[in-house]
């Protein structure tokens, strides 16, 4: 792969030539920021319940912070690569902007109530009432439903032409769209892999974008591509923020004590090699006694350290990445000391955060609400002439109207509607349908 193709500013489904002072990639960034899908992230659960008196992260604030970390990783990586190839500096601004935009958009396809929303949709078709539809569509289409994936839904949201909307969705550049793709294959080609990034409905768009960016297939007999190099930076940004900021939220909600969070954060710093950090920490602690401010200080220092670490990993494996042969994530190649600390913190998070009753209750709420909405609306598209179903379908905004009459397209229109809901809207619609005040 080469950067001239990887940084293609070809804009999907657009012939308009702009005289804007912004670059093509800056326009991508602005299109995501100003989109209604991005605004809706403010009322979508990250981990902890919304809203609350203690301000914790939602999907919107998470995405903004991931974009900041992504920009830092891109900046440092380009600076390091420029030491061997000064030509890389010419691409620095574009690379930083593309990574930031991919970070902003990485959660756009997530349904309400966090990842439990994905599980609910999948289980409805795999084990629930939706299972009866299996024979009404192709196996490649059915695989999208029984393993619903927010990453693939984000790609669809950005590229699909919804009813009454312009062609190409948000009409982003090929470089930005490919950088968003962490799992470059469709559901029916994922094999034993847990995730994928493309629904059957967007397979042609996906292949076109990958070809424009010069990204090769890694399996000749199936649609499995190498990853765009910048997608590794986006993924690392999300990995860093997910762990550290969830722990900071757990501290604010009193779920984990200050000492436990502090110990997790400090475990990434070597007593000898990071002696300057510990001196800086002691100086800061003498000036600051507030526990939240101390955690914010440690969080910032830790993010900075991990940014440097994953940047070094990218540079060390640069040739493999550019040849499409790099496997795994950047964060999985951390040095032994930091990798051990990361493993310990993840185990701590699973026990003390992701299994906490407040988190589990949100997940259970999601199962009940999304499950009920799926049951109602999927039944309605199966028999739209019934009076109740006709009234129910009138609640779906026109943009989600199916443009074909096959069952796969009809079900996708329901999933487009439900996955775009905020947590609060899903709860309210559930109450309305159940006659609850």
Protein backbone atom coordinates (compact mmCIF):
# COMPACT_ATOMS: atom_id res chain seq x y z
CA UNK A 1 0.00 0.00 0.00
CA UNK A 2 1.14 3.57 -0.58
CA UNK A 3 0.03 6.85 0.96
CA UNK A 4 -0.96 8.53 -2.31
CA UNK A 5 -3.74 5.97 -2.71
CA UNK A 6 -4.46 5.48 1.00
CA UNK A 7 -5.18 9.19 1.35
CA UNK A 8 -7.61 9.26 -1.57
CA UNK A 9 -9.99 12.21 -1.40
CA UNK A 10 -12.44 10.58 -3.80
CA UNK A 11 -15.83 11.40 -2.34
CA UNK A 12 -18.34 8.58 -2.52
CA UNK A 13 -21.37 9.25 -4.76
CA UNK A 14 -20.56 12.92 -5.22
CA UNK A 15 -19.69 14.87 -8.38
CA UNK A 16 -19.70 18.29 -6.74
CA UNK A 17 -16.36 20.10 -6.84
CA UNK A 18 -16.06 22.41 -3.86
CA UNK A 19 -14.05 25.64 -3.84
CA UNK A 20 -13.99 25.47 -0.04
CA UNK A 21 -10.83 26.58 1.78
CA UNK A 22 -11.08 23.39 3.86
CA UNK A 23 -9.43 20.20 2.70
CA UNK A 24 -11.62 17.26 1.68
CA UNK A 25 -10.80 15.54 4.96
CA UNK A 26 -11.65 18.60 7.04
CA UNK A 27 -15.04 18.62 5.32
CA UNK A 28 -15.47 14.97 6.34
CA UNK A 29 -14.75 15.94 9.95
CA UNK A 30 -17.30 18.75 9.85
CA UNK A 31 -19.96 16.57 8.20
CA UNK A 32 -19.74 14.06 11.04
CA UNK A 33 -19.77 16.77 13.74
CA UNK A 34 -22.87 18.44 12.28
CA UNK A 35 -24.78 15.21 11.61
CA UNK A 36 -27.90 14.34 13.59
CA UNK A 37 -26.50 10.83 14.16
CA UNK A 38 -23.53 12.34 15.98
CA UNK A 39 -25.76 14.55 18.14
CA UNK A 40 -27.84 11.53 19.14
CA UNK A 41 -24.77 9.99 20.77
CA UNK A 42 -25.26 12.39 23.71
CA UNK A 43 -28.22 10.26 24.82
CA UNK A 44 -26.71 6.84 24.22
CA UNK A 45 -25.20 4.84 27.05
CA UNK A 46 -21.45 4.36 27.22
CA UNK A 47 -21.37 2.18 30.35
CA UNK A 48 -23.18 3.88 33.22
CA UNK A 49 -26.85 5.00 33.35
CA UNK A 50 -27.99 8.28 31.80
CA UNK A 51 -28.74 10.89 32.94
CA UNK A 52 -27.40 11.40 36.44
CA UNK A 53 -26.20 13.98 38.91
CA UNK A 54 -22.65 12.75 38.48
CA UNK A 55 -21.62 13.49 34.92
CA UNK A 56 -20.16 10.34 33.37
CA UNK A 57 -19.32 9.61 29.77
CA UNK A 58 -21.96 9.05 27.14
CA UNK A 59 -21.23 7.96 23.56
CA UNK A 60 -20.80 11.57 22.46
CA UNK A 61 -18.20 12.61 25.04
CA UNK A 62 -16.46 9.27 24.58
CA UNK A 63 -16.21 9.83 20.81
CA UNK A 64 -14.88 13.37 21.24
CA UNK A 65 -12.17 12.18 23.61
CA UNK A 66 -11.27 9.25 21.35
CA UNK A 67 -10.84 11.78 18.52
CA UNK A 68 -8.42 13.82 20.65
CA UNK A 69 -6.34 10.76 21.51
CA UNK A 70 -6.41 9.64 17.87
CA UNK A 71 -5.08 12.96 16.71
CA UNK A 72 -2.21 12.71 19.20
CA UNK A 73 -1.32 9.18 18.06
CA UNK A 74 -1.39 10.28 14.42
CA UNK A 75 0.76 13.35 15.11
CA UNK A 76 3.45 11.48 17.02
CA UNK A 77 3.48 8.55 14.57
CA UNK A 78 3.97 10.79 11.55
CA UNK A 79 6.74 12.66 13.35
CA UNK A 80 8.52 9.37 14.09
CA UNK A 81 8.07 8.05 10.54
CA UNK A 82 9.40 11.33 9.15
CA UNK A 83 12.75 10.60 10.79
CA UNK A 84 13.30 7.95 8.11
CA UNK A 85 11.10 9.47 5.40
CA UNK A 86 10.73 13.28 5.59
CA UNK A 87 8.07 13.06 2.86
CA UNK A 88 5.63 11.87 5.54
CA UNK A 89 5.42 15.41 6.95
CA UNK A 90 3.57 16.41 3.80
CA UNK A 91 0.73 14.10 4.85
CA UNK A 92 0.64 14.99 8.55
CA UNK A 93 -2.37 17.31 8.54
CA UNK A 94 -4.45 14.96 6.39
CA UNK A 95 -3.56 11.91 8.48
CA UNK A 96 -4.43 13.66 11.75
CA UNK A 97 -7.78 14.82 10.35
CA UNK A 98 -8.72 11.42 8.89
CA UNK A 99 -7.93 9.60 12.13
CA UNK A 100 -9.88 12.16 14.18
CA UNK A 101 -12.90 11.83 11.89
CA UNK A 102 -12.85 8.03 12.00
CA UNK A 103 -12.70 8.29 15.81
CA UNK A 104 -15.70 10.63 15.87
CA UNK A 105 -17.71 8.22 13.70
CA UNK A 106 -16.67 4.89 15.20
CA UNK A 107 -19.74 4.54 17.46
CA UNK A 108 -22.40 6.05 15.19
CA UNK A 109 -23.94 2.67 14.46
CA UNK A 110 -24.33 1.53 18.05
CA UNK A 111 -27.96 0.94 19.10
CA UNK A 112 -29.36 2.19 22.44
CA UNK A 113 -28.13 0.76 25.76
CA UNK A 114 -24.54 0.06 24.82
CA UNK A 115 -23.31 -3.26 23.50
CA UNK A 116 -26.26 -5.09 25.08
CA UNK A 117 -28.35 -3.50 22.31
CA UNK A 118 -26.31 -5.39 19.70
CA UNK A 119 -26.73 -8.64 21.65
CA UNK A 120 -30.49 -8.11 21.93
CA UNK A 121 -30.93 -7.63 18.19
CA UNK A 122 -28.78 -10.68 17.41
CA UNK A 123 -30.56 -12.93 19.89
CA UNK A 124 -34.01 -11.86 18.59
CA UNK A 125 -33.18 -13.36 15.20
CA UNK A 126 -30.99 -16.19 16.44
CA UNK A 127 -33.14 -17.49 19.30
CA UNK A 128 -36.29 -15.35 19.45
CA UNK A 129 -39.38 -14.72 17.35
CA UNK A 130 -37.32 -13.34 14.50
CA UNK A 131 -35.92 -16.82 13.85
CA UNK A 132 -38.98 -17.67 11.74
CA UNK A 133 -37.72 -15.26 9.04
CA UNK A 134 -34.59 -17.27 8.26
CA UNK A 135 -36.07 -18.87 5.15
CA UNK A 136 -37.21 -15.53 3.68
CA UNK A 137 -33.74 -14.27 2.71
CA UNK A 138 -30.32 -15.35 1.48
CA UNK A 139 -27.85 -16.85 3.98
CA UNK A 140 -25.51 -13.88 3.44
CA UNK A 141 -28.31 -11.53 4.49
CA UNK A 142 -29.42 -13.67 7.42
CA UNK A 143 -25.88 -13.66 8.84
CA UNK A 144 -26.15 -9.86 9.25
CA UNK A 145 -29.18 -10.26 11.52
CA UNK A 146 -28.05 -13.11 13.78
CA UNK A 147 -24.78 -11.28 14.47
CA UNK A 148 -25.85 -7.62 14.34
CA UNK A 149 -22.77 -5.41 14.48
CA UNK A 150 -22.59 -1.71 15.37
CA UNK A 151 -19.40 -1.27 13.34
CA UNK A 152 -21.14 -2.44 10.16
CA UNK A 153 -24.12 -0.27 11.02
CA UNK A 154 -21.86 2.80 11.22
CA UNK A 155 -20.53 2.10 7.72
CA UNK A 156 -24.13 1.72 6.50
CA UNK A 157 -25.25 4.91 8.21
CA UNK A 158 -22.49 6.89 6.49
CA UNK A 159 -22.88 5.42 2.99
CA UNK A 160 -26.47 4.21 2.51
CA UNK A 161 -28.96 6.29 0.59
CA UNK A 162 -31.97 6.50 2.87
CA UNK A 163 -35.39 7.30 1.42
CA UNK A 164 -35.67 10.92 0.31
CA UNK A 165 -31.98 11.57 1.05
CA UNK A 166 -29.13 12.29 -1.35
CA UNK A 167 -27.04 9.46 -2.82
CA UNK A 168 -24.02 8.30 -0.85
CA UNK A 169 -25.29 9.02 2.64
CA UNK A 170 -22.86 11.50 4.15
CA UNK A 171 -20.71 11.20 1.04
CA UNK A 172 -17.38 10.96 2.85
CA UNK A 173 -14.00 10.37 1.22
CA UNK A 174 -12.68 6.89 0.53
CA UNK A 175 -9.77 7.48 2.95
CA UNK A 176 -12.07 8.33 5.85
CA UNK A 177 -14.49 5.48 5.17
CA UNK A 178 -11.70 2.89 4.93
CA UNK A 179 -10.02 4.22 8.09
CA UNK A 180 -13.29 3.58 9.93
CA UNK A 181 -13.18 -0.12 9.05
CA UNK A 182 -11.56 -2.25 11.77
CA UNK A 183 -12.88 -5.58 10.49
CA UNK A 184 -12.62 -5.44 6.66
CA UNK A 185 -14.98 -8.24 5.70
CA UNK A 186 -18.75 -8.95 5.71
CA UNK A 187 -20.60 -11.10 8.24
CA UNK A 188 -20.70 -14.18 6.02
CA UNK A 189 -16.90 -14.13 5.64
CA UNK A 190 -16.02 -13.53 9.28
CA UNK A 191 -15.48 -17.21 10.05
CA UNK A 192 -14.50 -17.62 13.68
CA UNK A 193 -13.95 -13.88 14.09
CA UNK A 194 -16.35 -12.23 16.50
CA UNK A 195 -16.89 -8.93 14.67
CA UNK A 196 -17.20 -7.64 11.11
CA UNK A 197 -17.62 -4.24 9.46
CA UNK A 198 -19.88 -4.60 6.43
CA UNK A 199 -23.49 -5.65 5.96
CA UNK A 200 -24.43 -7.52 2.79
CA UNK A 201 -26.36 -4.42 1.64
CA UNK A 202 -23.17 -2.29 1.52
CA UNK A 203 -20.75 -4.89 0.14
CA UNK A 204 -20.35 -3.20 -3.26
CA UNK A 205 -19.68 0.21 -1.70
CA UNK A 206 -17.14 -1.34 0.66
CA UNK A 207 -15.23 -3.06 -2.14
CA UNK A 208 -15.21 0.11 -4.25
CA UNK A 209 -13.75 2.18 -1.40
CA UNK A 210 -11.06 -0.42 -0.58
CA UNK A 211 -10.02 -0.64 -4.23
CA UNK A 212 -9.80 3.14 -4.58
CA UNK A 213 -7.47 3.26 -1.56
CA UNK A 214 -5.32 0.49 -3.02
CA UNK A 215 -6.00 -1.91 -0.14
CA UNK A 216 -5.42 -5.54 -1.20
CA UNK A 217 -7.47 -8.61 -0.46
CA UNK A 218 -5.77 -11.03 1.93
CA UNK A 219 -7.97 -13.96 0.89
CA UNK A 220 -8.37 -14.29 -2.87
CA UNK A 221 -11.44 -16.52 -2.75
CA UNK A 222 -13.44 -14.40 -0.30
CA UNK A 223 -14.13 -10.76 0.48
CA UNK A 224 -11.51 -10.25 3.19
CA UNK A 225 -9.22 -7.23 2.85
CA UNK A 226 -6.18 -5.90 4.65
CA UNK A 227 -6.81 -2.97 6.97
CA UNK A 228 -6.23 0.67 6.15
CA UNK A 229 -3.15 1.64 8.24
CA UNK A 230 -4.97 4.55 9.88
CA UNK A 231 -7.68 2.23 11.22
CA UNK A 232 -5.09 0.86 13.66
CA UNK A 233 -4.66 4.34 15.14
CA UNK A 234 -8.43 4.79 15.47
CA UNK A 235 -8.76 1.42 17.16
CA UNK A 236 -5.91 2.14 19.60
CA UNK A 237 -7.52 5.45 20.56
CA UNK A 238 -10.78 3.68 21.39
CA UNK A 239 -8.97 0.96 23.34
CA UNK A 240 -7.09 3.51 25.44
CA UNK A 241 -10.15 5.63 26.21
CA UNK A 242 -12.46 2.71 26.89
CA UNK A 243 -10.32 1.34 29.69
CA UNK A 244 -9.07 4.51 31.35
CA UNK A 245 -12.20 6.64 31.15
CA UNK A 246 -14.53 3.88 32.30
CA UNK A 247 -12.38 3.59 35.41
CA UNK A 248 -12.49 7.35 35.94
CA UNK A 249 -16.30 7.20 35.70
CA UNK A 250 -16.38 4.32 38.18
CA UNK A 251 -14.40 6.51 40.58
CA UNK A 252 -16.81 9.42 40.19
CA UNK A 253 -19.79 7.18 40.89
CA UNK A 254 -18.12 5.71 43.98
CA UNK A 255 -18.09 2.21 42.48
CA UNK A 256 -14.32 1.87 42.86
CA UNK A 257 -12.36 3.56 45.64
CA UNK A 258 -9.71 6.18 44.91
CA UNK A 259 -6.90 3.89 46.05
CA UNK A 260 -7.90 1.11 43.62
CA UNK A 261 -8.08 3.44 40.60
CA UNK A 262 -4.83 5.12 41.57
CA UNK A 263 -3.09 1.77 41.86
CA UNK A 264 -4.32 0.71 38.41
CA UNK A 265 -3.13 3.91 36.78
CA UNK A 266 0.23 3.94 38.56
CA UNK A 267 0.92 0.31 37.63
CA UNK A 268 1.73 1.46 34.07
CA UNK A 269 4.71 3.52 35.26
CA UNK A 270 8.01 1.80 35.96
CA UNK A 271 9.61 2.79 39.31
CA UNK A 272 13.02 3.37 37.67
CA UNK A 273 12.40 4.14 34.00
CA UNK A 274 9.59 6.59 34.84
CA UNK A 275 11.33 8.29 37.76
CA UNK A 276 10.63 11.74 36.27
CA UNK A 277 6.90 10.98 36.24
CA UNK A 278 6.85 10.03 39.92
CA UNK A 279 8.66 13.26 40.81
CA UNK A 280 6.11 15.20 38.75
CA UNK A 281 3.28 13.32 40.49
CA UNK A 282 4.61 14.11 43.96
CA UNK A 283 4.88 17.79 43.05
CA UNK A 284 1.32 17.80 41.69
CA UNK A 285 -0.08 16.01 44.73
CA UNK A 286 1.45 18.63 47.04
CA UNK A 287 -0.52 21.31 45.19
CA UNK A 288 -3.73 19.34 44.66
CA UNK A 289 -5.70 17.52 47.35
CA UNK A 290 -8.98 16.97 45.47
CA UNK A 291 -9.31 13.26 44.61
CA UNK A 292 -11.09 13.83 41.29
CA UNK A 293 -8.42 16.30 40.20
CA UNK A 294 -5.68 13.84 41.14
CA UNK A 295 -7.39 11.13 39.08
CA UNK A 296 -7.66 13.54 36.16
CA UNK A 297 -3.92 14.22 36.43
CA UNK A 298 -3.08 10.51 36.44
CA UNK A 299 -5.50 9.86 33.59
CA UNK A 300 -3.83 12.53 31.43
CA UNK A 301 -0.34 11.24 32.16
CA UNK A 302 -1.36 7.65 31.45
CA UNK A 303 -3.05 8.52 28.15
CA UNK A 304 0.11 10.36 27.11
CA UNK A 305 2.25 7.34 27.95
CA UNK A 306 0.00 4.92 26.04
CA UNK A 307 -0.11 7.28 23.05
CA UNK A 308 3.68 7.07 22.92
CA UNK A 309 3.61 3.29 23.34
CA UNK A 310 1.14 2.54 20.53
CA UNK A 311 2.88 5.05 18.28
CA UNK A 312 6.14 3.19 18.82
CA UNK A 313 4.38 -0.10 18.00
CA UNK A 314 3.06 1.35 14.72
CA UNK A 315 6.52 2.55 13.71
CA UNK A 316 8.17 -0.74 14.71
CA UNK A 317 5.70 -2.75 12.61
CA UNK A 318 5.32 -0.18 9.82
CA UNK A 319 6.45 -2.46 7.00
CA UNK A 320 4.06 -5.25 8.07
CA UNK A 321 1.19 -2.76 8.31
CA UNK A 322 1.87 -1.32 4.86
CA UNK A 323 2.09 -4.83 3.39
CA UNK A 324 -1.25 -5.78 4.95
CA UNK A 325 0.35 -8.52 7.05
CA UNK A 326 0.06 -7.04 10.55
CA UNK A 327 -2.27 -9.03 12.80
CA UNK A 328 -3.99 -7.89 15.97
CA UNK A 329 -4.27 -4.39 17.43
CA UNK A 330 -1.52 -1.92 18.31
CA UNK A 331 -2.36 -2.17 21.99
CA UNK A 332 -1.87 -5.95 21.93
CA UNK A 333 1.83 -5.31 21.17
CA UNK A 334 2.56 -3.15 24.23
CA UNK A 335 5.88 -3.80 26.00
CA UNK A 336 5.71 -6.52 28.67
CA UNK A 337 5.59 -4.11 31.62
CA UNK A 338 2.70 -2.05 30.23
CA UNK A 339 0.96 -5.16 28.88
CA UNK A 340 0.92 -6.70 32.35
CA UNK A 341 -0.56 -3.52 33.83
CA UNK A 342 -3.18 -3.40 31.07
CA UNK A 343 -4.23 -6.99 31.74
CA UNK A 344 -4.59 -6.33 35.48
CA UNK A 345 -6.69 -3.22 34.89
CA UNK A 346 -8.96 -5.04 32.45
CA UNK A 347 -9.55 -7.81 34.96
CA UNK A 348 -10.32 -5.19 37.60
CA UNK A 349 -12.79 -3.50 35.25
CA UNK A 350 -14.64 -6.71 34.41
CA UNK A 351 -15.12 -7.55 38.08
CA UNK A 352 -15.80 -4.12 39.55
CA UNK A 353 -17.32 -2.14 36.64
CA UNK A 354 -18.92 -4.23 33.90
CA UNK A 355 -20.55 -6.62 36.37
CA UNK A 356 -21.74 -3.88 38.73
CA UNK A 357 -25.52 -3.93 39.38
CA UNK A 358 -26.06 -0.45 37.88
CA UNK A 359 -24.46 -1.59 34.62
CA UNK A 360 -26.27 -4.95 34.57
CA UNK A 361 -29.62 -3.22 35.15
CA UNK A 362 -29.06 -0.99 32.13
CA UNK A 363 -28.29 -4.06 30.04
CA UNK A 364 -31.42 -5.85 31.25
CA UNK A 365 -33.50 -2.75 30.53
CA UNK A 366 -32.07 -2.72 27.03
CA UNK A 367 -32.96 -6.36 26.46
CA UNK A 368 -36.58 -5.76 27.46
CA UNK A 369 -37.11 -2.47 25.61
CA UNK A 370 -35.29 -3.27 22.35
CA UNK A 371 -36.68 -6.82 22.37
CA UNK A 372 -40.22 -5.49 22.63
CA UNK A 373 -39.72 -2.88 19.90
CA UNK A 374 -38.24 -5.49 17.58
CA UNK A 375 -41.12 -7.85 18.20
CA UNK A 376 -43.69 -5.16 17.43
CA UNK A 377 -42.10 -3.57 14.35
CA UNK A 378 -40.76 -6.74 12.71
CA UNK A 379 -44.24 -8.27 12.97
CA UNK A 380 -45.64 -5.08 11.43
CA UNK A 381 -43.43 -5.23 8.30
CA UNK A 382 -44.45 -8.86 7.84
CA UNK A 383 -48.14 -7.98 7.68
CA UNK A 384 -48.38 -4.23 7.01
CA UNK A 385 -52.08 -4.29 6.00
CA UNK A 386 -53.38 -5.00 9.51
CA UNK A 387 -54.85 -1.86 11.07
CA UNK A 388 -52.59 -1.98 14.15
CA UNK A 389 -49.49 -2.67 12.09
CA UNK A 390 -50.31 0.09 9.63
CA UNK A 391 -50.60 2.60 12.47
CA UNK A 392 -47.41 1.28 14.06
CA UNK A 393 -45.42 1.63 10.83
CA UNK A 394 -46.62 5.22 10.50
CA UNK A 395 -44.40 6.02 13.51
CA UNK A 396 -41.26 5.18 11.52
CA UNK A 397 -39.75 8.33 9.95
CA UNK A 398 -39.96 8.48 6.17
CA UNK A 399 -36.18 8.29 5.74
CA UNK A 400 -36.28 4.67 6.99
CA UNK A 401 -38.95 3.62 4.46
CA UNK A 402 -37.72 0.47 2.63
CA UNK A 403 -36.98 1.03 -1.07
CA UNK A 404 -37.42 -2.66 -1.95
CA UNK A 405 -40.14 -5.16 -1.10
CA UNK A 406 -37.95 -8.09 0.01
CA UNK A 407 -37.94 -9.15 3.67
CA UNK A 408 -34.24 -8.39 4.24
CA UNK A 409 -34.75 -4.76 3.21
CA UNK A 410 -37.91 -4.45 5.29
CA UNK A 411 -36.20 -5.80 8.40
CA UNK A 412 -33.22 -3.53 7.81
CA UNK A 413 -35.58 -0.53 7.76
CA UNK A 414 -36.75 -1.55 11.25
CA UNK A 415 -33.16 -1.96 12.45
CA UNK A 416 -32.23 1.43 10.96
CA UNK A 417 -35.07 2.99 12.95
CA UNK A 418 -34.34 1.24 16.25
CA UNK A 419 -30.54 1.46 16.14
CA UNK A 420 -30.74 5.21 15.55
CA UNK A 421 -32.85 5.76 18.67
CA UNK A 422 -31.41 7.37 21.77
CA UNK A 423 -31.87 5.53 25.05
CA UNK A 424 -34.48 8.08 26.17
CA UNK A 425 -36.53 7.85 22.97
CA UNK A 426 -36.50 4.04 23.08
CA UNK A 427 -37.76 4.10 26.67
CA UNK A 428 -40.50 6.60 25.83
CA UNK A 429 -41.69 4.68 22.75
CA UNK A 430 -41.75 1.46 24.79
CA UNK A 431 -43.90 3.19 27.42
CA UNK A 432 -46.23 4.61 24.77
CA UNK A 433 -46.77 1.22 23.14
CA UNK A 434 -47.42 -0.40 26.50
CA UNK A 435 -49.74 2.35 27.71
CA UNK A 436 -47.43 3.25 30.61
CA UNK A 437 -47.38 6.75 32.07
